[in-house]
């Protein structure tokens, strides 16, 4: 991790834990695949997935993120200028072979999940020992959602992940969906105050740090780093509901403002519900937003 130093504390002082790269690429891949949902917020589907095309190839890992978007994960032990182009090649194959991916999701996660794949926001996650400044520039020139993630092992039992660059792709909205949207009165016409509050929440969440991306689903809008840290539901008549990844047990629950929804069904992800009715509520919620951002 660039610039990060890790120290082990003892009664006699501190000892620096030196960072290191993996012995082989497979060490990184096998560890992340075994814990992909915890580490990347992605449900693991397949490893070394063989693609059917003239040039052939194997996708290192395939998964589905918290919002139902397809995810390709490619790994490199060190720095490799070809990892982004390789991933984009696999992404092009994936987008032209949607039935194959749906079949994989159906086999692993069931028919309902397969029917809700979010094809407008496919993602490529590149995990490598390091990236160059040219890599960070290159991802900004593509129309896909790409995350560059730097890893380091520390000692024998620690691994660190750091987002080196993150870019949101240009989501495509089906023509039929655009027609449906144009036929429905806008939220602004229904309730201007709540729409204004939603816009203010959007500005705050996007401004929490570099690499925050927004993913629009039918029933919520997700804000993510590698993983979702906030999900905002469409404005209701008198309030706006935001679900956060902050641990409800670590915050004060205030009636009418916050609620522990652990185990309760709701749209989006996160166990802490925040109810916003005014700009003052938004000011009160900002510490919780930052706590959730840090947890993601």
Foldseek 3Di string as FASTA:
>chain_A
DPPDWDWDADPVGIDTFDWDFDPAFVVVLVVCLVVVCPPQQWAWQDAQCWADDDVIGTQGTWTAHQQQEIEGEAEDRAEDPCRVVVQVVVVVSCLVPVVVVLVSCCVVPNNVSSVRHQHQAHEYEYEYQDYDPVVQVVVVVDQHWYWYWHKIDTDDPDMDIDTPATDGHDGDDDPVVVVVVVVDDDVCVVAVQQVVVVVVLVVLLVPLDHQWDWDDDPAWIFTDRSHTAKTWGPDDRAKTKIAGQADPVVDDADPPAKDQQVPHDDPDDHGIIGIGRHVVSVVVCSVVSNRSRVVD
